C-alpha atoms as a PDB file:
ATOM      1  CA  MET A   1      25.067   9.786   5.580  1.00  0.00           C
ATOM      2  CA  GLY A   2      24.723   8.476   9.077  1.00  0.00           C
ATOM      3  CA  ASP A   3      26.875   6.606  11.498  1.00  0.00           C
ATOM      4  CA  ARG A   4      27.531   3.082  10.353  1.00  0.00           C
ATOM      5  CA  GLY A   5      25.819   1.785  13.478  1.00  0.00           C
ATOM      6  CA  HIS A   6      22.519   3.170  12.214  1.00  0.00           C
ATOM      7  CA  PHE A   7      22.329   0.624   9.433  1.00  0.00           C
ATOM      8  CA  PRO A   8      20.651  -2.753   9.995  1.00  0.00           C
ATOM      9  CA  GLN A   9      22.273  -6.138   9.568  1.00  0.00           C
ATOM     10  CA  ARG A  10      23.702  -6.562   6.114  1.00  0.00           C
ATOM     11  CA  SER A  11      22.132  -8.721   3.442  1.00  0.00           C
ATOM     12  CA  TRP A  12      23.167 -12.289   2.656  1.00  0.00           C
ATOM     13  CA  LEU A  13      25.734 -11.291   0.016  1.00  0.00           C
ATOM     14  CA  GLY A  14      27.633  -8.986   2.353  1.00  0.00           C
ATOM     15  CA  ARG A  15      27.549 -11.414   5.269  1.00  0.00           C
ATOM     16  CA  VAL A  16      28.654 -14.473   3.351  1.00  0.00           C
ATOM     17  CA  THR A  17      31.878 -12.784   2.209  1.00  0.00           C
ATOM     18  CA  GLU A  18      33.021 -12.467   5.831  1.00  0.00           C
ATOM     19  CA  HIS A  19      31.362 -15.474   7.423  1.00  0.00           C
ATOM     20  CA  PRO A  20      31.185 -18.326   4.903  1.00  0.00           C
ATOM     21  CA  ARG A  21      28.413 -20.813   5.558  1.00  0.00           C
ATOM     22  CA  PRO A  22      27.089 -23.847   3.709  1.00  0.00           C
ATOM     23  CA  LEU A  23      25.945 -22.912   0.232  1.00  0.00           C
ATOM     24  CA  PHE A  24      22.402 -24.176   0.659  1.00  0.00           C
ATOM     25  CA  ARG A  25      21.853 -21.975   3.735  1.00  0.00           C
ATOM     26  CA  THR A  26      23.114 -18.937   1.851  1.00  0.00           C
ATOM     27  CA  ILE A  27      20.787 -19.643  -1.057  1.00  0.00           C
ATOM     28  CA  LEU A  28      17.808 -20.200   1.242  1.00  0.00           C
ATOM     29  CA  ARG A  29      18.416 -16.878   2.991  1.00  0.00           C
ATOM     30  CA  ALA A  30      18.857 -15.048  -0.332  1.00  0.00           C
ATOM     31  CA  ARG A  31      15.680 -16.584  -1.725  1.00  0.00           C
ATOM     32  CA  ARG A  32      13.756 -15.485   1.350  1.00  0.00           C
ATOM     33  CA  ASP A  33      15.115 -11.935   1.135  1.00  0.00           C
ATOM     34  CA  SER A  34      14.300 -11.593  -2.564  1.00  0.00           C
ATOM     35  CA  ARG A  35      10.835 -13.062  -2.058  1.00  0.00           C
ATOM     36  CA  ASN A  36      10.064 -10.592   0.740  1.00  0.00           C
ATOM     37  CA  LEU A  37      11.245  -7.597  -1.281  1.00  0.00           C
ATOM     38  CA  LEU A  38       9.143  -8.593  -4.297  1.00  0.00           C
ATOM     39  CA  ARG A  39       6.058  -8.751  -2.072  1.00  0.00           C
ATOM     40  CA  GLY A  40       6.482  -5.113  -1.076  1.00  0.00           C
ATOM     41  CA  PRO A  41       5.015  -1.976  -2.668  1.00  0.00           C
ATOM     42  CA  VAL A  42       5.914  -0.876  -6.197  1.00  0.00           C
ATOM     43  CA  LEU A  43       8.914   1.238  -5.164  1.00  0.00           C
ATOM     44  CA  CYS A  44      10.330  -1.674  -3.180  1.00  0.00           C
ATOM     45  CA  ARG A  45       9.894  -4.097  -6.102  1.00  0.00           C
ATOM     46  CA  VAL A  46      11.500  -1.686  -8.569  1.00  0.00           C
ATOM     47  CA  ALA A  47      14.490  -0.803  -6.367  1.00  0.00           C
ATOM     48  CA  ALA A  48      15.006  -4.467  -5.422  1.00  0.00           C
ATOM     49  CA  VAL A  49      16.233  -5.319  -8.928  1.00  0.00           C
ATOM     50  CA  ARG A  50      19.986  -5.053  -8.433  1.00  0.00           C
ATOM     51  CA  ALA A  51      20.792  -3.854 -11.958  1.00  0.00           C
ATOM     52  CA  VAL A  52      18.203  -1.082 -11.661  1.00  0.00           C
ATOM     53  CA  LEU A  53      19.423   0.382  -8.374  1.00  0.00           C
ATOM     54  CA  LEU A  54      23.135  -0.025  -9.168  1.00  0.00           C
ATOM     55  CA  LEU A  55      22.714   2.163 -12.259  1.00  0.00           C
ATOM     56  CA  ALA A  56      20.049   4.451 -10.799  1.00  0.00           C
ATOM     57  CA  GLY A  57      22.446   5.912  -8.209  1.00  0.00           C
ATOM     58  CA  PRO A  58      25.127   7.167 -10.640  1.00  0.00           C
ATOM     59  CA  ARG A  59      22.469   8.209 -13.181  1.00  0.00           C
ATOM     60  CA  ALA A  60      20.609  10.217 -10.542  1.00  0.00           C
ATOM     61  CA  LEU A  61      23.906  11.751  -9.414  1.00  0.00           C
ATOM     62  CA  MET A  62      24.696  12.910 -12.961  1.00  0.00           C
ATOM     63  CA  LEU A  63      21.203  14.372 -13.423  1.00  0.00           C
ATOM     64  CA  GLY A  64      21.255  15.946  -9.974  1.00  0.00           C
ATOM     65  CA  ALA A  65      24.530  17.750 -10.661  1.00  0.00           C
ATOM     66  CA  LEU A  66      22.822  19.730 -13.440  1.00  0.00           C
ATOM     67  CA  ASN A  67      21.249  21.920 -10.776  1.00  0.00           C
ATOM     68  CA  PRO A  68      24.115  24.118  -9.509  1.00  0.00           C
ATOM     69  CA  LEU A  69      22.555  24.760  -6.110  1.00  0.00           C
ATOM     70  CA  ASN A  70      21.819  21.076  -5.642  1.00  0.00           C
ATOM     71  CA  PHE A  71      25.353  20.075  -6.599  1.00  0.00           C
ATOM     72  CA  ILE A  72      26.969  22.684  -4.369  1.00  0.00           C
ATOM     73  CA  GLY A  73      24.828  21.692  -1.407  1.00  0.00           C
ATOM     74  CA  SER A  74      25.649  18.004  -1.809  1.00  0.00           C
ATOM     75  CA  THR A  75      29.437  18.404  -2.081  1.00  0.00           C
ATOM     76  CA  ARG A  76      30.251  20.490   0.996  1.00  0.00           C
ATOM     77  CA  ASP A  77      31.281  17.593   3.219  1.00  0.00           C
ATOM     78  CA  ALA A  78      35.086  17.419   3.524  1.00  0.00           C
ATOM     79  CA  ARG A  79      35.258  13.626   3.639  1.00  0.00           C
ATOM     80  CA  GLY A  80      32.735  13.366   0.828  1.00  0.00           C
ATOM     81  CA  ARG A  81      35.009  15.481  -1.369  1.00  0.00           C
ATOM     82  CA  ARG A  82      38.059  13.440  -0.425  1.00  0.00           C
ATOM     83  CA  GLU A  83      36.330  10.030  -0.597  1.00  0.00           C
ATOM     84  CA  PRO A  84      33.226  10.457  -2.794  1.00  0.00           C
ATOM     85  CA  LEU A  85      32.653   6.718  -3.144  1.00  0.00           C
ATOM     86  CA  HIS A  86      32.333   6.476   0.627  1.00  0.00           C
ATOM     87  CA  ARG A  87      29.668   9.185   0.409  1.00  0.00           C
ATOM     88  CA  LEU A  88      27.993   7.278  -2.421  1.00  0.00           C
ATOM     89  CA  GLN A  89      27.967   4.162  -0.232  1.00  0.00           C
ATOM     90  CA  ASP A  90      26.303   5.989   2.661  1.00  0.00           C
ATOM     91  CA  THR A  91      23.742   7.606   0.371  1.00  0.00           C
ATOM     92  CA  GLY A  92      22.923   4.306  -1.327  1.00  0.00           C
ATOM     93  CA  LEU A  93      22.513   2.494   1.983  1.00  0.00           C
ATOM     94  CA  SER A  94      20.327   5.271   3.372  1.00  0.00           C
ATOM     95  CA  PHE A  95      17.978   5.154   0.401  1.00  0.00           C
ATOM     96  CA  GLU A  96      17.866   1.348   0.496  1.00  0.00           C
ATOM     97  CA  MET A  97      16.800   1.571   4.129  1.00  0.00           C
ATOM     98  CA  ALA A  98      14.096   4.090   3.228  1.00  0.00           C
ATOM     99  CA  PHE A  99      12.888   1.875   0.359  1.00  0.00           C
ATOM    100  CA  PHE A 100      12.932  -1.478   2.132  1.00  0.00           C
ATOM    101  CA  ASP A 101      12.747  -1.043   5.917  1.00  0.00           C
ATOM    102  CA  ALA A 102      10.001  -0.058   8.350  1.00  0.00           C
ATOM    103  CA  LEU A 103       9.960   3.535   9.600  1.00  0.00           C
ATOM    104  CA  GLU A 104      10.714   2.580  13.199  1.00  0.00           C
ATOM    105  CA  GLU A 105      13.952   0.923  12.065  1.00  0.00           C
ATOM    106  CA  ILE A 106      15.375   4.045  10.394  1.00  0.00           C
ATOM    107  CA  ILE A 107      14.415   6.906  12.723  1.00  0.00           C
ATOM    108  CA  ALA A 108      18.028   7.379  13.891  1.00  0.00           C
ATOM    109  CA  MET A 109      19.304   7.546  10.310  1.00  0.00           C
ATOM    110  CA  LEU A 110      16.633  10.094   9.296  1.00  0.00           C
ATOM    111  CA  ALA A 111      17.441  12.285  12.297  1.00  0.00           C
ATOM    112  CA  ASP A 112      21.154  12.185  11.441  1.00  0.00           C
ATOM    113  CA  VAL A 113      20.483  13.177   7.824  1.00  0.00           C
ATOM    114  CA  ALA A 114      18.290  16.095   8.923  1.00  0.00           C
ATOM    115  CA  ARG A 115      20.973  17.267  11.360  1.00  0.00           C
ATOM    116  CA  ARG A 116      23.648  17.199   8.656  1.00  0.00           C
ATOM    117  CA  HIS A 117      21.457  19.052   6.162  1.00  0.00           C
ATOM    118  CA  ARG A 118      20.719  21.887   8.610  1.00  0.00           C
ATOM    119  CA  ARG A 119      24.445  22.634   8.904  1.00  0.00           C
ATOM    120  CA  VAL A 120      25.075  22.967   5.144  1.00  0.00           C
ATOM    121  CA  HIS A 121      24.255  26.375   3.629  1.00  0.00           C
ATOM    122  CA  GLY A 122      26.042  29.211   1.906  1.00  0.00           C
ATOM    123  CA  VAL A 123      26.005  31.840  -0.834  1.00  0.00           C
ATOM    124  CA  LEU A 124      27.302  31.877  -4.436  1.00  0.00           C
ATOM    125  CA  LEU A 125      30.351  34.064  -5.030  1.00  0.00           C
ATOM    126  CA  GLU A 126      30.003  33.979  -8.824  1.00  0.00           C
ATOM    127  CA  ASP A 127      27.234  33.470 -11.350  1.00  0.00           C
ATOM    128  CA  ALA A 128      26.332  29.821 -11.929  1.00  0.00           C
ATOM    129  CA  GLY A 129      24.215  29.709 -15.059  1.00  0.00           C
ATOM    130  CA  PRO A 130      20.815  31.228 -14.198  1.00  0.00           C
ATOM    131  CA  TYR A 131      21.807  31.776 -10.557  1.00  0.00           C
ATOM    132  CA  PRO A 132      23.570  35.125  -9.978  1.00  0.00           C
ATOM    133  CA  ALA A 133      26.299  35.743  -7.458  1.00  0.00           C
ATOM    134  CA  GLY A 134      24.802  36.279  -4.033  1.00  0.00           C
ATOM    135  CA  THR A 135      22.178  33.563  -4.395  1.00  0.00           C
ATOM    136  CA  ARG A 136      21.799  31.718  -1.116  1.00  0.00           C
ATOM    137  CA  TRP A 137      21.622  27.930  -1.086  1.00  0.00           C
ATOM    138  CA  ALA A 138      20.985  25.306   1.564  1.00  0.00           C
ATOM    139  CA  ALA A 139      21.081  21.515   1.576  1.00  0.00           C
ATOM    140  CA  ASP A 140      17.633  21.439   3.187  1.00  0.00           C
ATOM    141  CA  ALA A 141      16.041  23.980   0.816  1.00  0.00           C
ATOM    142  CA  PRO A 142      12.713  22.505  -0.349  1.00  0.00           C
ATOM    143  CA  GLU A 143      13.459  22.947  -4.060  1.00  0.00           C
ATOM    144  CA  GLN A 144      16.826  21.210  -3.765  1.00  0.00           C
ATOM    145  CA  MET A 145      15.311  18.324  -1.814  1.00  0.00           C
ATOM    146  CA  LEU A 146      12.606  17.957  -4.466  1.00  0.00           C
ATOM    147  CA  TRP A 147      15.224  17.786  -7.223  1.00  0.00           C
ATOM    148  CA  THR A 148      17.116  15.073  -5.325  1.00  0.00           C
ATOM    149  CA  ILE A 149      14.127  12.740  -5.079  1.00  0.00           C
ATOM    150  CA  ALA A 150      12.939  13.650  -8.590  1.00  0.00           C
ATOM    151  CA  VAL A 151      16.111  12.494 -10.348  1.00  0.00           C
ATOM    152  CA  LEU A 152      16.043   9.274  -8.340  1.00  0.00           C
ATOM    153  CA  MET A 153      12.389   8.622  -9.189  1.00  0.00           C
ATOM    154  CA  ASP A 154      13.041   9.219 -12.880  1.00  0.00           C
ATOM    155  CA  SER A 155      16.128   6.983 -12.848  1.00  0.00           C
ATOM    156  CA  LEU A 156      14.420   4.083 -11.084  1.00  0.00           C
ATOM    157  CA  GLU A 157      11.372   4.227 -13.334  1.00  0.00           C
ATOM    158  CA  PHE A 158      13.338   4.525 -16.567  1.00  0.00           C
ATOM    159  CA  LEU A 159      15.851   1.777 -15.768  1.00  0.00           C
ATOM    160  CA  TYR A 160      13.106  -0.596 -14.632  1.00  0.00           C
ATOM    161  CA  SER A 161      11.367  -0.038 -17.961  1.00  0.00           C
ATOM    162  CA  LEU A 162      14.660  -0.818 -19.722  1.00  0.00           C
ATOM    163  CA  PHE A 163      15.590  -3.983 -17.849  1.00  0.00           C
ATOM    164  CA  VAL A 164      12.261  -5.445 -16.728  1.00  0.00           C
ATOM    165  CA  ARG A 165       9.081  -3.912 -18.143  1.00  0.00           C
ATOM    166  CA  GLU A 166       7.065  -0.709 -18.390  1.00  0.00           C
ATOM    167  CA  LEU A 167       5.096   0.194 -15.296  1.00  0.00           C
ATOM    168  CA  SER A 168       1.348   0.549 -15.664  1.00  0.00           C
ATOM    169  CA  ALA A 169      -0.318   3.906 -15.002  1.00  0.00           C
ATOM    170  CA  ASP A 170      -1.522   2.675 -11.600  1.00  0.00           C
ATOM    171  CA  GLU A 171       1.975   1.438 -10.724  1.00  0.00           C
ATOM    172  CA  GLN A 172       3.512   4.769 -11.730  1.00  0.00           C
ATOM    173  CA  GLU A 173       1.018   6.593  -9.530  1.00  0.00           C
ATOM    174  CA  GLU A 174       1.712   4.315  -6.555  1.00  0.00           C
ATOM    175  CA  MET A 175       5.476   4.499  -7.048  1.00  0.00           C
ATOM    176  CA  TRP A 176       5.345   8.285  -6.810  1.00  0.00           C
ATOM    177  CA  THR A 177       2.562   9.051  -4.332  1.00  0.00           C
ATOM    178  CA  ASN A 178       3.100   6.124  -1.940  1.00  0.00           C
ATOM    179  CA  GLY A 179       6.766   5.558  -2.746  1.00  0.00           C
ATOM    180  CA  CYS A 180       9.221   8.310  -3.646  1.00  0.00           C
ATOM    181  CA  ARG A 181       6.990  11.112  -2.379  1.00  0.00           C
ATOM    182  CA  ARG A 182       6.667   9.357   0.977  1.00  0.00           C
ATOM    183  CA  VAL A 183      10.443   8.780   1.122  1.00  0.00           C
ATOM    184  CA  ALA A 184      11.065  12.478   0.395  1.00  0.00           C
ATOM    185  CA  ILE A 185       8.764  13.463   3.279  1.00  0.00           C
ATOM    186  CA  MET A 186      10.597  11.020   5.557  1.00  0.00           C
ATOM    187  CA  PHE A 187      13.862  12.814   4.716  1.00  0.00           C
ATOM    188  CA  GLY A 188      12.314  16.172   5.632  1.00  0.00           C
ATOM    189  CA  THR A 189      11.029  17.518   2.300  1.00  0.00           C
ATOM    190  CA  PRO A 190       7.943  19.720   2.880  1.00  0.00           C
ATOM    191  CA  GLU A 191       4.779  18.252   1.400  1.00  0.00           C
ATOM    192  CA  TRP A 192       3.798  21.498  -0.309  1.00  0.00           C
ATOM    193  CA  VAL A 193       6.782  21.384  -2.683  1.00  0.00           C
ATOM    194  CA  LEU A 194       6.138  17.801  -3.842  1.00  0.00           C
ATOM    195  CA  PRO A 195       3.751  17.243  -6.782  1.00  0.00           C
ATOM    196  CA  GLY A 196       0.645  15.498  -5.531  1.00  0.00           C
ATOM    197  CA  THR A 197       0.236  13.040  -8.419  1.00  0.00           C
ATOM    198  CA  TYR A 198       2.481  11.174 -10.826  1.00  0.00           C
ATOM    199  CA  ALA A 199       1.115  13.169 -13.773  1.00  0.00           C
ATOM    200  CA  ALA A 200       1.991  16.422 -12.016  1.00  0.00           C
ATOM    201  CA  PHE A 201       5.442  15.085 -11.155  1.00  0.00           C
ATOM    202  CA  ARG A 202       6.149  13.956 -14.718  1.00  0.00           C
ATOM    203  CA  SER A 203       4.962  17.244 -16.206  1.00  0.00           C
ATOM    204  CA  TRP A 204       7.119  19.251 -13.775  1.00  0.00           C
ATOM    205  CA  PHE A 205      10.202  17.066 -14.185  1.00  0.00           C
ATOM    206  CA  ASP A 206      10.117  17.043 -17.999  1.00  0.00           C
ATOM    207  CA  SER A 207       9.715  20.814 -18.123  1.00  0.00           C
ATOM    208  CA  GLU A 208      12.530  21.251 -15.604  1.00  0.00           C
ATOM    209  CA  LEU A 209      14.819  19.012 -17.645  1.00  0.00           C
ATOM    210  CA  ALA A 210      14.168  21.132 -20.743  1.00  0.00           C
ATOM    211  CA  SER A 211      14.522  24.486 -18.967  1.00  0.00           C
ATOM    212  CA  ASP A 212      17.466  26.871 -18.740  1.00  0.00           C
ATOM    213  CA  ARG A 213      17.542  26.477 -14.952  1.00  0.00           C
ATOM    214  CA  LEU A 214      19.909  23.540 -15.371  1.00  0.00           C
ATOM    215  CA  TYR A 215      23.570  24.415 -15.768  1.00  0.00           C
ATOM    216  CA  LEU A 216      26.674  22.280 -15.367  1.00  0.00           C
ATOM    217  CA  ILE A 217      29.382  24.161 -13.464  1.00  0.00           C
ATOM    218  CA  TYR A 218      33.008  23.136 -13.897  1.00  0.00           C
ATOM    219  CA  GLU A 219      33.199  20.999 -10.763  1.00  0.00           C
ATOM    220  CA  ALA A 220      29.926  19.246 -11.565  1.00  0.00           C
ATOM    221  CA  LEU A 221      31.131  18.338 -15.051  1.00  0.00           C
ATOM    222  CA  TYR A 222      34.237  16.661 -13.666  1.00  0.00           C
ATOM    223  CA  PHE A 223      32.498  15.111 -10.672  1.00  0.00           C
ATOM    224  CA  GLY A 224      29.522  13.743 -12.596  1.00  0.00           C
ATOM    225  CA  ARG A 225      31.692  12.116 -15.251  1.00  0.00           C
ATOM    226  CA  ALA A 226      34.111  10.709 -12.684  1.00  0.00           C
ATOM    227  CA  MET A 227      31.457   9.266 -10.374  1.00  0.00           C
ATOM    228  CA  GLY A 228      29.416   7.907 -13.246  1.00  0.00           C
ATOM    229  CA  LEU A 229      32.074   6.571 -15.599  1.00  0.00           C
ATOM    230  CA  GLU A 230      35.205   5.955 -13.508  1.00  0.00           C
ATOM    231  CA  LEU A 231      33.928   3.664 -10.762  1.00  0.00           C
ATOM    232  CA  PRO A 232      36.485   1.028  -9.737  1.00  0.00           C
ATOM    233  CA  MET A 233      35.246  -2.230 -11.217  1.00  0.00           C
ATOM    234  CA  PRO A 234      36.625  -5.162 -13.234  1.00  0.00           C
ATOM    235  CA  ARG A 235      38.108  -3.882 -16.472  1.00  0.00           C
ATOM    236  CA  LEU A 236      35.980  -6.186 -18.612  1.00  0.00           C
ATOM    237  CA  LEU A 237      32.745  -4.884 -17.110  1.00  0.00           C
ATOM    238  CA  ARG A 238      33.483  -1.169 -17.372  1.00  0.00           C
ATOM    239  CA  PRO A 239      32.675  -0.714 -21.117  1.00  0.00           C
ATOM    240  CA  PHE A 240      29.279  -2.388 -20.692  1.00  0.00           C
ATOM    241  CA  TYR A 241      28.462  -0.472 -17.517  1.00  0.00           C
ATOM    242  CA  ASN A 242      29.436   2.866 -19.047  1.00  0.00           C
ATOM    243  CA  LEU A 243      27.508   2.094 -22.233  1.00  0.00           C
ATOM    244  CA  LEU A 244      24.352   1.364 -20.235  1.00  0.00           C
ATOM    245  CA  LEU A 245      24.767   4.467 -18.093  1.00  0.00           C
ATOM    246  CA  ILE A 246      25.469   6.865 -20.970  1.00  0.00           C
ATOM    247  CA  GLY A 247      22.717   5.368 -23.105  1.00  0.00           C
ATOM    248  CA  SER A 248      20.186   5.759 -20.292  1.00  0.00           C
ATOM    249  CA  LEU A 249      20.812   9.513 -19.998  1.00  0.00           C
ATOM    250  CA  PRO A 250      18.455  11.935 -21.768  1.00  0.00           C
ATOM    251  CA  PRO A 251      20.050  13.450 -24.916  1.00  0.00           C
ATOM    252  CA  ARG A 252      20.358  16.896 -23.318  1.00  0.00           C
ATOM    253  CA  VAL A 253      22.221  15.451 -20.342  1.00  0.00           C
ATOM    254  CA  ARG A 254      24.683  13.649 -22.620  1.00  0.00           C
ATOM    255  CA  GLU A 255      25.308  16.941 -24.410  1.00  0.00           C
ATOM    256  CA  GLU A 256      25.887  18.800 -21.135  1.00  0.00           C
ATOM    257  CA  TYR A 257      28.464  16.200 -20.094  1.00  0.00           C
ATOM    258  CA  ARG A 258      30.056  16.242 -23.576  1.00  0.00           C
ATOM    259  CA  LEU A 259      29.440  12.538 -24.080  1.00  0.00           C
ATOM    260  CA  PRO A 260      29.291  11.622 -27.778  1.00  0.00           C
ATOM    261  CA  TRP A 261      26.540   9.274 -28.930  1.00  0.00           C
ATOM    262  CA  ASP A 262      26.038   7.933 -32.440  1.00  0.00           C
ATOM    263  CA  PRO A 263      23.895   5.239 -34.131  1.00  0.00           C
ATOM    264  CA  TRP A 264      26.602   2.645 -33.539  1.00  0.00           C
ATOM    265  CA  ASP A 265      26.523   3.378 -29.800  1.00  0.00           C
ATOM    266  CA  GLN A 266      22.751   3.058 -29.865  1.00  0.00           C
ATOM    267  CA  TRP A 267      23.019  -0.305 -31.654  1.00  0.00           C
ATOM    268  CA  TRP A 268      25.334  -1.689 -28.966  1.00  0.00           C
ATOM    269  CA  PHE A 269      23.207  -0.155 -26.233  1.00  0.00           C
ATOM    270  CA  ASP A 270      20.026  -1.833 -27.454  1.00  0.00           C
ATOM    271  CA  ARG A 271      21.713  -5.233 -27.575  1.00  0.00           C
ATOM    272  CA  THR A 272      23.325  -4.826 -24.168  1.00  0.00           C
ATOM    273  CA  VAL A 273      19.951  -3.906 -22.678  1.00  0.00           C
ATOM    274  CA  ALA A 274      18.456  -7.014 -24.302  1.00  0.00           C
ATOM    275  CA  LEU A 275      21.218  -9.124 -22.737  1.00  0.00           C
ATOM    276  CA  VAL A 276      20.586  -7.673 -19.265  1.00  0.00           C
ATOM    277  CA  ARG A 277      16.837  -8.272 -19.618  1.00  0.00           C
ATOM    278  CA  TRP A 278      17.497 -11.871 -20.602  1.00  0.00           C
ATOM    279  CA  LEU A 279      19.872 -12.423 -17.670  1.00  0.00           C
ATOM    280  CA  ILE A 280      17.376 -11.004 -15.198  1.00  0.00           C
ATOM    281  CA  ARG A 281      14.752 -13.341 -16.626  1.00  0.00           C
ATOM    282  CA  VAL A 282      16.788 -16.569 -16.628  1.00  0.00           C
ATOM    283  CA  LEU A 283      19.116 -16.244 -13.634  1.00  0.00           C
ATOM    284  CA  PRO A 284      17.894 -17.334 -10.186  1.00  0.00           C
ATOM    285  CA  ARG A 285      15.863 -14.563  -8.610  1.00  0.00           C
ATOM    286  CA  TRP A 286      18.075 -14.436  -5.516  1.00  0.00           C
ATOM    287  CA  LEU A 287      20.972 -13.358  -7.756  1.00  0.00           C
ATOM    288  CA  THR A 288      19.118 -10.539  -9.512  1.00  0.00           C
ATOM    289  CA  VAL A 289      16.902  -9.264  -6.688  1.00  0.00           C
ATOM    290  CA  GLY A 290      18.067  -8.017  -3.298  1.00  0.00           C
ATOM    291  CA  ARG A 291      20.010  -5.358  -1.462  1.00  0.00           C
ATOM    292  CA  ASN A 292      23.222  -3.924  -2.902  1.00  0.00           C
ATOM    293  CA  ASP A 293      25.119  -3.268   0.333  1.00  0.00           C
ATOM    294  CA  TYR A 294      27.957  -5.584  -0.684  1.00  0.00           C
ATOM    295  CA  PHE A 295      28.555  -3.673  -3.922  1.00  0.00           C
ATOM    296  CA  TYR A 296      28.518  -0.299  -2.163  1.00  0.00           C
ATOM    297  CA  GLU A 297      31.039  -1.575   0.366  1.00  0.00           C
ATOM    298  CA  LEU A 298      33.186  -2.971  -2.435  1.00  0.00           C
ATOM    299  CA  LEU A 299      33.343   0.431  -4.171  1.00  0.00           C
ATOM    300  CA  ALA A 300      34.291   2.197  -0.927  1.00  0.00           C
ATOM    301  CA  ARG A 301      36.941  -0.440  -0.171  1.00  0.00           C
ATOM    302  CA  ARG A 302      38.455  -0.129  -3.657  1.00  0.00           C
ATOM    303  CA  GLU A 303      38.573   3.645  -3.204  1.00  0.00           C
ATOM    304  CA  ARG A 304      40.486   3.300   0.078  1.00  0.00           C
ATOM    305  CA  GLU A 305      42.891   0.782  -1.442  1.00  0.00           C
ATOM    306  CA  ARG A 306      43.636   3.062  -4.387  1.00  0.00           C
ATOM    307  CA  ARG A 307      44.196   6.062  -2.127  1.00  0.00           C
ATOM    308  CA  ASP A 308      46.432   4.097   0.234  1.00  0.00           C
ATOM    309  CA  SER A 309      48.539   2.856  -2.677  1.00  0.00           C
ATOM    310  CA  GLY A 310      48.928   6.350  -4.137  1.00  0.00           C
ATOM    311  CA  ARG A 311      46.840   5.655  -7.245  1.00  0.00           C
ATOM    312  CA  VAL A 312      44.646   8.375  -8.711  1.00  0.00           C
ATOM    313  CA  THR A 313      41.012   8.149  -7.606  1.00  0.00           C
ATOM    314  CA  PRO A 314      38.154  10.587  -8.343  1.00  0.00           C
ATOM    315  CA  HIS A 315      37.888  13.344  -5.740  1.00  0.00           C
ATOM    316  CA  LEU A 316      37.280  17.063  -5.342  1.00  0.00           C
ATOM    317  CA  PRO A 317      39.846  19.507  -3.915  1.00  0.00           C
ATOM    318  CA  PRO A 318      39.375  20.706  -0.321  1.00  0.00           C
ATOM    319  CA  LEU A 319      37.114  23.686   0.246  1.00  0.00           C
ATOM    320  CA  THR A 320      38.835  27.067   0.487  1.00  0.00           C
ATOM    321  CA  PRO A 321      36.195  29.611   1.524  1.00  0.00           C
ATOM    322  CA  GLU A 322      38.399  32.676   1.090  1.00  0.00           C
ATOM    323  CA  PRO A 323      37.849  34.102  -2.442  1.00  0.00           C
ATOM    324  CA  ASP A 324      41.520  34.927  -3.042  1.00  0.00           C
ATOM    325  CA  ARG A 325      42.583  31.328  -2.309  1.00  0.00           C
ATOM    326  CA  GLN A 326      40.019  29.493  -4.409  1.00  0.00           C
ATOM    327  CA  THR A 327      40.821  27.195  -7.286  1.00  0.00           C
ATOM    328  CA  PRO A 328      38.774  27.470 -10.521  1.00  0.00           C
ATOM    329  CA  GLY A 329      36.631  24.521  -9.489  1.00  0.00           C
ATOM    330  CA  GLU A 330      35.928  26.078  -6.084  1.00  0.00           C
ATOM    331  CA  SER A 331      35.144  29.630  -7.128  1.00  0.00           C
ATOM    332  CA  GLN A 332      31.403  29.047  -7.190  1.00  0.00           C
ATOM    333  CA  VAL A 333      30.580  29.108  -3.498  1.00  0.00           C
ATOM    334  CA  ALA A 334      31.376  30.474  -0.083  1.00  0.00           C
ATOM    335  CA  LEU A 335      30.254  28.793   3.083  1.00  0.00           C
ATOM    336  CA  ALA A 336      28.049  30.900   5.315  1.00  0.00           C
END
């Protein structure tokens, strides 16, 4: 999202890879960081669990792409289309800053995000599900900004319930009203569009997820599957990661993405979730709780390495605003 200089000093895991230091000092720093994060508000404690946030980003991306206007508005950046994992890194770091850091530390980042959003707007050239040709869209449209924070809230809450425990009613209320709702306002979302309570949010989100307003355009189908299921990671980990991600999606979302799911998949999913819960419980807290900047940087670095070596990496074709030059995946939008 913003210039790299806007981000604060990286966490212990990112720093130690470049500047090795005695192991005990690294562990002490990591323990302090994890302890501080777990003393924060509910949103901070939920997002601080590494497994939760690492899966919440791709899950939220796949849910977010179901809204055609939201997907179109979030994929207009040329570099983001060419290097989507770099965009994912910036987005993840920006949200981590909003979750974990004081407001005065992130003012520059918030201003940069607002400036970028104001520049991104356009009009549909063809029908996109319930949205007819001619519909105007904008990255800073209140409804699109609400959908962005809504899919993230749902992903964080659901994955925390999978890997750690269910949140109480009071915790759910605090996570929305004093957590995600506050973050959305920080990013420029008008207060009037945001549900005022958790119950109102949950009722709206569930009805939205079941409505016909969600439609997966061709580009979103490819992009969502690629960014969710084709992340560069060790080959042995990929089946488990993909199983957890697919299994965490609502049934309708799996159907939209044409992802098969049967009782055998559910059996493996339940046991993999149990394994992750056990690992989070028994491993040292400084390993399971903390910032994920190192992992975001690793994904972006792997993307650059694959591109430089000529290997295929997920990406979207360049924008071609002229209707007669558009590819099938680009025929949904014209920049205005």
